[in-house]
N, C-alpha and C. Protein backbone atom coordinates (compact mmCIF):
# COMPACT_ATOMS: atom_id res chain seq x y z
N MET A 1 18.59 -6.18 -1.41
CA MET A 1 17.39 -6.71 -1.99
C MET A 1 16.40 -5.60 -2.32
N ILE A 2 16.06 -4.74 -1.32
CA ILE A 2 15.06 -3.71 -1.61
C ILE A 2 15.70 -2.54 -2.34
N GLY A 3 14.88 -1.92 -3.15
CA GLY A 3 15.30 -0.73 -3.86
C GLY A 3 14.71 0.50 -3.20
N ARG A 4 14.27 1.41 -4.02
CA ARG A 4 13.79 2.68 -3.48
C ARG A 4 12.39 2.54 -2.86
N LEU A 5 12.05 3.52 -2.05
CA LEU A 5 10.71 3.61 -1.48
C LEU A 5 9.75 3.95 -2.62
N ASN A 6 8.75 3.11 -2.84
CA ASN A 6 7.78 3.35 -3.90
C ASN A 6 6.66 4.27 -3.40
N HIS A 7 6.09 3.95 -2.23
CA HIS A 7 5.05 4.80 -1.67
C HIS A 7 4.83 4.50 -0.19
N VAL A 8 4.17 5.44 0.46
CA VAL A 8 3.66 5.29 1.82
C VAL A 8 2.15 5.33 1.69
N ALA A 9 1.47 4.34 2.25
CA ALA A 9 0.01 4.25 2.14
C ALA A 9 -0.65 4.77 3.41
N ILE A 10 -1.66 5.61 3.22
CA ILE A 10 -2.41 6.20 4.32
C ILE A 10 -3.89 5.89 4.12
N VAL A 11 -4.51 5.29 5.12
CA VAL A 11 -5.94 5.03 5.09
C VAL A 11 -6.66 6.33 5.46
N VAL A 12 -7.69 6.66 4.70
CA VAL A 12 -8.44 7.90 4.95
C VAL A 12 -9.93 7.60 5.02
N PRO A 13 -10.65 8.30 5.92
CA PRO A 13 -12.09 8.07 6.02
C PRO A 13 -12.88 8.73 4.89
N ASP A 14 -12.31 9.77 4.25
CA ASP A 14 -12.99 10.49 3.17
C ASP A 14 -11.96 10.70 2.05
N LEU A 15 -12.06 9.88 1.01
CA LEU A 15 -11.06 9.91 -0.07
C LEU A 15 -11.08 11.23 -0.83
N ASP A 16 -12.27 11.76 -1.11
CA ASP A 16 -12.35 13.03 -1.84
C ASP A 16 -11.72 14.17 -1.04
N ALA A 17 -12.01 14.22 0.25
CA ALA A 17 -11.46 15.28 1.09
C ALA A 17 -9.94 15.16 1.20
N ALA A 18 -9.44 13.93 1.32
CA ALA A 18 -7.99 13.73 1.43
C ALA A 18 -7.31 14.11 0.12
N ALA A 19 -7.89 13.72 -1.02
CA ALA A 19 -7.31 14.09 -2.31
C ALA A 19 -7.30 15.60 -2.48
N ALA A 20 -8.38 16.26 -2.08
CA ALA A 20 -8.44 17.72 -2.18
C ALA A 20 -7.39 18.38 -1.29
N LEU A 21 -7.18 17.84 -0.10
CA LEU A 21 -6.17 18.38 0.80
C LEU A 21 -4.79 18.36 0.16
N TYR A 22 -4.41 17.22 -0.40
CA TYR A 22 -3.10 17.12 -1.05
C TYR A 22 -3.02 17.98 -2.30
N ARG A 23 -4.10 18.02 -3.09
CA ARG A 23 -4.11 18.77 -4.35
C ARG A 23 -4.20 20.27 -4.10
N ASP A 24 -5.21 20.70 -3.33
CA ASP A 24 -5.52 22.12 -3.21
C ASP A 24 -4.71 22.83 -2.14
N THR A 25 -4.47 22.16 -1.02
CA THR A 25 -3.74 22.79 0.08
C THR A 25 -2.24 22.65 -0.09
N LEU A 26 -1.79 21.44 -0.49
CA LEU A 26 -0.35 21.19 -0.60
C LEU A 26 0.18 21.33 -2.02
N GLY A 27 -0.70 21.47 -3.00
CA GLY A 27 -0.26 21.70 -4.37
C GLY A 27 0.32 20.48 -5.08
N ALA A 28 -0.04 19.29 -4.65
CA ALA A 28 0.51 18.07 -5.24
C ALA A 28 -0.34 17.62 -6.43
N LYS A 29 0.29 16.83 -7.30
CA LYS A 29 -0.43 16.20 -8.40
C LYS A 29 -1.10 14.94 -7.86
N VAL A 30 -2.42 14.83 -8.06
CA VAL A 30 -3.22 13.75 -7.48
C VAL A 30 -3.91 13.00 -8.61
N SER A 31 -3.85 11.67 -8.56
CA SER A 31 -4.49 10.84 -9.59
C SER A 31 -6.00 10.75 -9.36
N ALA A 32 -6.68 10.24 -10.35
CA ALA A 32 -8.10 9.92 -10.19
C ALA A 32 -8.22 8.68 -9.31
N PRO A 33 -9.33 8.53 -8.61
CA PRO A 33 -9.54 7.32 -7.80
C PRO A 33 -9.55 6.07 -8.68
N GLN A 34 -8.95 5.02 -8.15
CA GLN A 34 -8.87 3.74 -8.87
C GLN A 34 -9.37 2.63 -7.94
N PRO A 35 -10.52 2.02 -8.27
CA PRO A 35 -10.99 0.90 -7.45
C PRO A 35 -10.17 -0.36 -7.75
N LEU A 36 -9.77 -1.06 -6.69
CA LEU A 36 -9.03 -2.32 -6.81
C LEU A 36 -9.85 -3.38 -6.09
N GLU A 37 -10.76 -4.00 -6.82
CA GLU A 37 -11.68 -4.94 -6.20
C GLU A 37 -10.97 -6.12 -5.55
N ASP A 38 -9.88 -6.62 -6.15
CA ASP A 38 -9.15 -7.76 -5.57
C ASP A 38 -8.58 -7.44 -4.19
N HIS A 39 -8.31 -6.16 -3.94
CA HIS A 39 -7.72 -5.75 -2.66
C HIS A 39 -8.75 -5.11 -1.73
N GLY A 40 -9.96 -4.85 -2.24
CA GLY A 40 -11.00 -4.25 -1.41
C GLY A 40 -10.75 -2.80 -1.07
N VAL A 41 -10.09 -2.07 -1.96
CA VAL A 41 -9.78 -0.66 -1.69
C VAL A 41 -9.98 0.19 -2.94
N THR A 42 -10.16 1.46 -2.71
CA THR A 42 -10.05 2.47 -3.76
C THR A 42 -8.81 3.28 -3.42
N THR A 43 -7.98 3.53 -4.43
CA THR A 43 -6.73 4.25 -4.19
C THR A 43 -6.67 5.55 -4.98
N VAL A 44 -5.96 6.50 -4.43
CA VAL A 44 -5.57 7.73 -5.11
C VAL A 44 -4.08 7.88 -4.84
N PHE A 45 -3.31 8.16 -5.89
CA PHE A 45 -1.88 8.37 -5.71
C PHE A 45 -1.55 9.85 -5.78
N VAL A 46 -0.73 10.28 -4.83
CA VAL A 46 -0.23 11.64 -4.77
C VAL A 46 1.22 11.58 -5.21
N ASP A 47 1.54 12.23 -6.32
CA ASP A 47 2.89 12.19 -6.88
C ASP A 47 3.75 13.26 -6.22
N LEU A 48 4.83 12.83 -5.60
CA LEU A 48 5.75 13.76 -4.94
C LEU A 48 7.07 13.91 -5.70
N GLY A 49 7.15 13.37 -6.90
CA GLY A 49 8.38 13.47 -7.68
C GLY A 49 9.32 12.32 -7.38
N ASN A 50 9.82 12.24 -6.16
CA ASN A 50 10.76 11.18 -5.79
C ASN A 50 10.09 9.96 -5.19
N THR A 51 8.81 10.07 -4.85
CA THR A 51 8.02 8.95 -4.33
C THR A 51 6.54 9.33 -4.40
N ARG A 52 5.69 8.52 -3.81
CA ARG A 52 4.25 8.79 -3.82
C ARG A 52 3.64 8.51 -2.46
N ILE A 53 2.49 9.11 -2.26
CA ILE A 53 1.61 8.78 -1.14
C ILE A 53 0.43 8.06 -1.77
N GLU A 54 0.03 6.93 -1.19
CA GLU A 54 -1.16 6.22 -1.65
C GLU A 54 -2.25 6.43 -0.61
N LEU A 55 -3.33 7.08 -1.02
CA LEU A 55 -4.48 7.25 -0.15
C LEU A 55 -5.40 6.06 -0.37
N LEU A 56 -5.79 5.39 0.72
CA LEU A 56 -6.61 4.18 0.65
C LEU A 56 -7.94 4.41 1.32
N HIS A 57 -9.00 3.89 0.69
CA HIS A 57 -10.34 3.96 1.26
C HIS A 57 -11.02 2.62 1.00
N PRO A 58 -11.87 2.15 1.93
CA PRO A 58 -12.53 0.85 1.76
C PRO A 58 -13.38 0.79 0.50
N LEU A 59 -13.36 -0.36 -0.12
CA LEU A 59 -14.22 -0.67 -1.26
C LEU A 59 -15.01 -1.92 -0.90
N GLY A 60 -16.25 -1.75 -0.52
CA GLY A 60 -17.07 -2.89 -0.12
C GLY A 60 -17.03 -3.14 1.38
N ASP A 61 -17.96 -3.96 1.83
CA ASP A 61 -18.11 -4.23 3.26
C ASP A 61 -17.02 -5.13 3.83
N ASP A 62 -16.36 -5.93 3.00
CA ASP A 62 -15.35 -6.87 3.49
C ASP A 62 -13.93 -6.34 3.37
N SER A 63 -13.78 -5.06 3.16
CA SER A 63 -12.46 -4.47 2.96
C SER A 63 -11.63 -4.53 4.24
N PRO A 64 -10.37 -5.00 4.13
CA PRO A 64 -9.49 -4.95 5.31
C PRO A 64 -9.24 -3.51 5.76
N ILE A 65 -9.36 -2.58 4.84
CA ILE A 65 -9.17 -1.17 5.19
C ILE A 65 -10.35 -0.68 6.04
N GLY A 66 -11.53 -1.26 5.83
CA GLY A 66 -12.68 -0.93 6.67
C GLY A 66 -12.42 -1.30 8.11
N ARG A 67 -11.81 -2.44 8.32
CA ARG A 67 -11.47 -2.86 9.70
C ARG A 67 -10.43 -1.92 10.29
N PHE A 68 -9.49 -1.46 9.48
CA PHE A 68 -8.49 -0.50 9.94
C PHE A 68 -9.19 0.78 10.40
N LEU A 69 -10.15 1.27 9.60
CA LEU A 69 -10.86 2.50 9.96
C LEU A 69 -11.73 2.33 11.21
N GLU A 70 -12.23 1.13 11.45
CA GLU A 70 -12.98 0.90 12.69
C GLU A 70 -12.09 1.13 13.90
N ARG A 71 -10.84 0.70 13.81
CA ARG A 71 -9.89 0.87 14.93
C ARG A 71 -9.28 2.27 14.96
N HIS A 72 -9.20 2.91 13.78
CA HIS A 72 -8.58 4.24 13.65
C HIS A 72 -9.51 5.13 12.81
N PRO A 73 -10.59 5.65 13.40
CA PRO A 73 -11.60 6.35 12.62
C PRO A 73 -11.10 7.59 11.88
N ASP A 74 -10.00 8.17 12.32
CA ASP A 74 -9.43 9.33 11.63
C ASP A 74 -8.48 8.92 10.51
N GLY A 75 -8.25 7.61 10.36
CA GLY A 75 -7.29 7.12 9.37
C GLY A 75 -5.90 7.03 9.97
N GLY A 76 -4.92 6.81 9.10
CA GLY A 76 -3.54 6.74 9.56
C GLY A 76 -2.68 5.96 8.58
N MET A 77 -1.39 5.91 8.90
CA MET A 77 -0.45 5.21 8.03
C MET A 77 -0.76 3.72 8.04
N HIS A 78 -0.78 3.10 6.88
CA HIS A 78 -1.12 1.69 6.76
C HIS A 78 0.10 0.84 6.42
N HIS A 79 0.88 1.22 5.41
CA HIS A 79 2.06 0.43 5.04
C HIS A 79 3.05 1.27 4.25
N VAL A 80 4.25 0.72 4.13
CA VAL A 80 5.26 1.29 3.24
C VAL A 80 5.52 0.27 2.14
N CYS A 81 5.84 0.75 0.95
CA CYS A 81 6.09 -0.14 -0.19
C CYS A 81 7.49 0.11 -0.72
N TYR A 82 8.27 -0.96 -0.81
CA TYR A 82 9.62 -0.92 -1.36
C TYR A 82 9.66 -1.66 -2.68
N GLU A 83 10.49 -1.20 -3.57
CA GLU A 83 10.65 -1.84 -4.87
C GLU A 83 11.68 -2.96 -4.78
N VAL A 84 11.44 -4.04 -5.54
CA VAL A 84 12.39 -5.13 -5.69
C VAL A 84 12.47 -5.48 -7.17
N ASP A 85 13.63 -6.00 -7.58
CA ASP A 85 13.81 -6.37 -8.98
C ASP A 85 13.10 -7.67 -9.33
N ASP A 86 13.13 -8.62 -8.41
CA ASP A 86 12.56 -9.95 -8.65
C ASP A 86 11.76 -10.34 -7.41
N ILE A 87 10.44 -10.28 -7.49
CA ILE A 87 9.60 -10.50 -6.32
C ILE A 87 9.68 -11.93 -5.81
N LEU A 88 9.81 -12.90 -6.71
CA LEU A 88 9.89 -14.29 -6.27
C LEU A 88 11.21 -14.56 -5.56
N ALA A 89 12.30 -14.02 -6.07
CA ALA A 89 13.61 -14.18 -5.40
C ALA A 89 13.58 -13.48 -4.05
N ALA A 90 12.96 -12.29 -3.99
CA ALA A 90 12.87 -11.56 -2.72
C ALA A 90 12.03 -12.35 -1.72
N ARG A 91 10.91 -12.89 -2.17
CA ARG A 91 10.05 -13.70 -1.29
C ARG A 91 10.81 -14.89 -0.73
N ASP A 92 11.50 -15.61 -1.62
CA ASP A 92 12.22 -16.81 -1.20
C ASP A 92 13.33 -16.47 -0.21
N GLN A 93 14.05 -15.37 -0.45
CA GLN A 93 15.12 -14.95 0.46
C GLN A 93 14.54 -14.55 1.81
N LEU A 94 13.45 -13.80 1.79
CA LEU A 94 12.81 -13.39 3.05
C LEU A 94 12.33 -14.59 3.85
N GLN A 95 11.68 -15.53 3.19
CA GLN A 95 11.18 -16.71 3.88
C GLN A 95 12.32 -17.58 4.42
N ALA A 96 13.41 -17.67 3.67
CA ALA A 96 14.57 -18.43 4.13
C ALA A 96 15.16 -17.83 5.40
N GLN A 97 14.96 -16.52 5.58
CA GLN A 97 15.48 -15.84 6.77
C GLN A 97 14.42 -15.69 7.86
N GLY A 98 13.28 -16.38 7.70
CA GLY A 98 12.25 -16.38 8.72
C GLY A 98 11.17 -15.34 8.56
N GLY A 99 11.21 -14.56 7.50
CA GLY A 99 10.18 -13.57 7.26
C GLY A 99 8.88 -14.23 6.81
N ARG A 100 7.76 -13.64 7.24
CA ARG A 100 6.46 -14.20 6.89
C ARG A 100 5.79 -13.35 5.81
N VAL A 101 5.35 -14.03 4.76
CA VAL A 101 4.60 -13.39 3.69
C VAL A 101 3.13 -13.62 3.99
N LEU A 102 2.33 -12.58 3.90
CA LEU A 102 0.90 -12.70 4.18
C LEU A 102 0.17 -13.33 3.00
N GLY A 103 -0.97 -13.91 3.28
CA GLY A 103 -1.76 -14.57 2.24
C GLY A 103 -1.17 -15.91 1.89
N ASP A 104 -1.36 -16.31 0.63
CA ASP A 104 -0.88 -17.63 0.20
C ASP A 104 0.57 -17.60 -0.29
N GLY A 105 1.23 -16.44 -0.22
CA GLY A 105 2.63 -16.35 -0.62
C GLY A 105 2.84 -16.12 -2.11
N GLU A 106 1.76 -16.09 -2.86
CA GLU A 106 1.86 -15.84 -4.29
C GLU A 106 1.58 -14.37 -4.57
N PRO A 107 2.37 -13.73 -5.43
CA PRO A 107 2.15 -12.32 -5.75
C PRO A 107 0.78 -12.08 -6.35
N ARG A 108 0.22 -10.93 -6.02
CA ARG A 108 -1.03 -10.46 -6.62
C ARG A 108 -0.71 -9.19 -7.41
N THR A 109 -1.59 -8.82 -8.29
CA THR A 109 -1.40 -7.61 -9.07
C THR A 109 -1.80 -6.41 -8.22
N GLY A 110 -0.88 -5.46 -8.10
CA GLY A 110 -1.12 -4.26 -7.30
C GLY A 110 -1.69 -3.12 -8.12
N ALA A 111 -1.75 -1.96 -7.50
CA ALA A 111 -2.36 -0.77 -8.10
C ALA A 111 -1.65 -0.31 -9.36
N HIS A 112 -0.38 -0.64 -9.50
CA HIS A 112 0.39 -0.21 -10.68
C HIS A 112 0.43 -1.29 -11.74
N GLY A 113 -0.35 -2.37 -11.55
CA GLY A 113 -0.36 -3.46 -12.51
C GLY A 113 0.86 -4.35 -12.41
N LYS A 114 1.58 -4.27 -11.30
CA LYS A 114 2.80 -5.05 -11.09
C LYS A 114 2.60 -6.00 -9.91
N PRO A 115 3.39 -7.09 -9.85
CA PRO A 115 3.25 -8.05 -8.76
C PRO A 115 3.65 -7.45 -7.40
N VAL A 116 2.82 -7.75 -6.38
CA VAL A 116 3.09 -7.28 -5.03
C VAL A 116 2.89 -8.40 -4.02
N LEU A 117 3.56 -8.28 -2.89
CA LEU A 117 3.37 -9.15 -1.72
C LEU A 117 3.42 -8.27 -0.48
N PHE A 118 2.74 -8.72 0.57
CA PHE A 118 2.79 -8.02 1.85
C PHE A 118 3.51 -8.90 2.86
N LEU A 119 4.30 -8.25 3.72
CA LEU A 119 5.12 -8.94 4.71
C LEU A 119 4.58 -8.62 6.11
N HIS A 120 4.62 -9.60 6.97
CA HIS A 120 4.03 -9.48 8.30
C HIS A 120 4.68 -8.35 9.10
N PRO A 121 3.85 -7.47 9.68
CA PRO A 121 4.41 -6.34 10.44
C PRO A 121 5.24 -6.75 11.65
N LYS A 122 4.96 -7.90 12.25
CA LYS A 122 5.75 -8.32 13.41
C LYS A 122 7.19 -8.64 13.03
N ASP A 123 7.45 -8.89 11.75
CA ASP A 123 8.80 -9.17 11.29
C ASP A 123 9.55 -7.91 10.87
N PHE A 124 8.85 -6.75 10.82
CA PHE A 124 9.46 -5.53 10.31
C PHE A 124 9.14 -4.33 11.21
N CYS A 125 9.52 -4.46 12.47
CA CYS A 125 9.44 -3.36 13.43
C CYS A 125 8.03 -2.80 13.58
N GLY A 126 7.02 -3.67 13.46
CA GLY A 126 5.64 -3.24 13.62
C GLY A 126 5.04 -2.55 12.41
N THR A 127 5.71 -2.61 11.27
CA THR A 127 5.23 -1.94 10.06
C THR A 127 4.86 -2.96 9.00
N LEU A 128 3.65 -2.84 8.46
CA LEU A 128 3.26 -3.64 7.33
C LEU A 128 4.09 -3.19 6.12
N VAL A 129 4.74 -4.14 5.47
CA VAL A 129 5.60 -3.83 4.33
C VAL A 129 5.04 -4.50 3.08
N GLU A 130 4.95 -3.71 2.04
CA GLU A 130 4.59 -4.22 0.72
C GLU A 130 5.86 -4.20 -0.14
N ILE A 131 6.09 -5.25 -0.89
CA ILE A 131 7.16 -5.22 -1.89
C ILE A 131 6.51 -5.31 -3.26
N GLU A 132 7.05 -4.54 -4.19
CA GLU A 132 6.51 -4.48 -5.54
C GLU A 132 7.63 -4.69 -6.53
N GLN A 133 7.41 -5.59 -7.46
CA GLN A 133 8.41 -5.83 -8.51
C GLN A 133 8.37 -4.69 -9.52
N VAL A 134 9.54 -4.16 -9.83
CA VAL A 134 9.61 -3.06 -10.81
C VAL A 134 10.22 -3.53 -12.11
């Protein structure tokens, strides 16, 4: 069902400093910040050639990422994202096998303009999993 690893998301307390670290210290190609109001985050993507790192920072007071930073003030890994060919078929198969989809179960548009869903971390070894239709 799952394809390649699309990205690993890391919550950061200072988006500019984190982007500079990846760009200037590690020599990576870093995107411009992109606010995603529907998700309550601002993202920066670090292109690694074979995959990406997504740097996440809260956007607004109600951001779920803000709550993450309250518990982890230095930031940390937030989720992994895997690609799927058909997000609705993947959702239905996961739910048939007891997997829990977060939210209302309907895909939302993600940072790449493609449908995404998040899967409950208790069902995936303690890791929040995002699936993205490619």
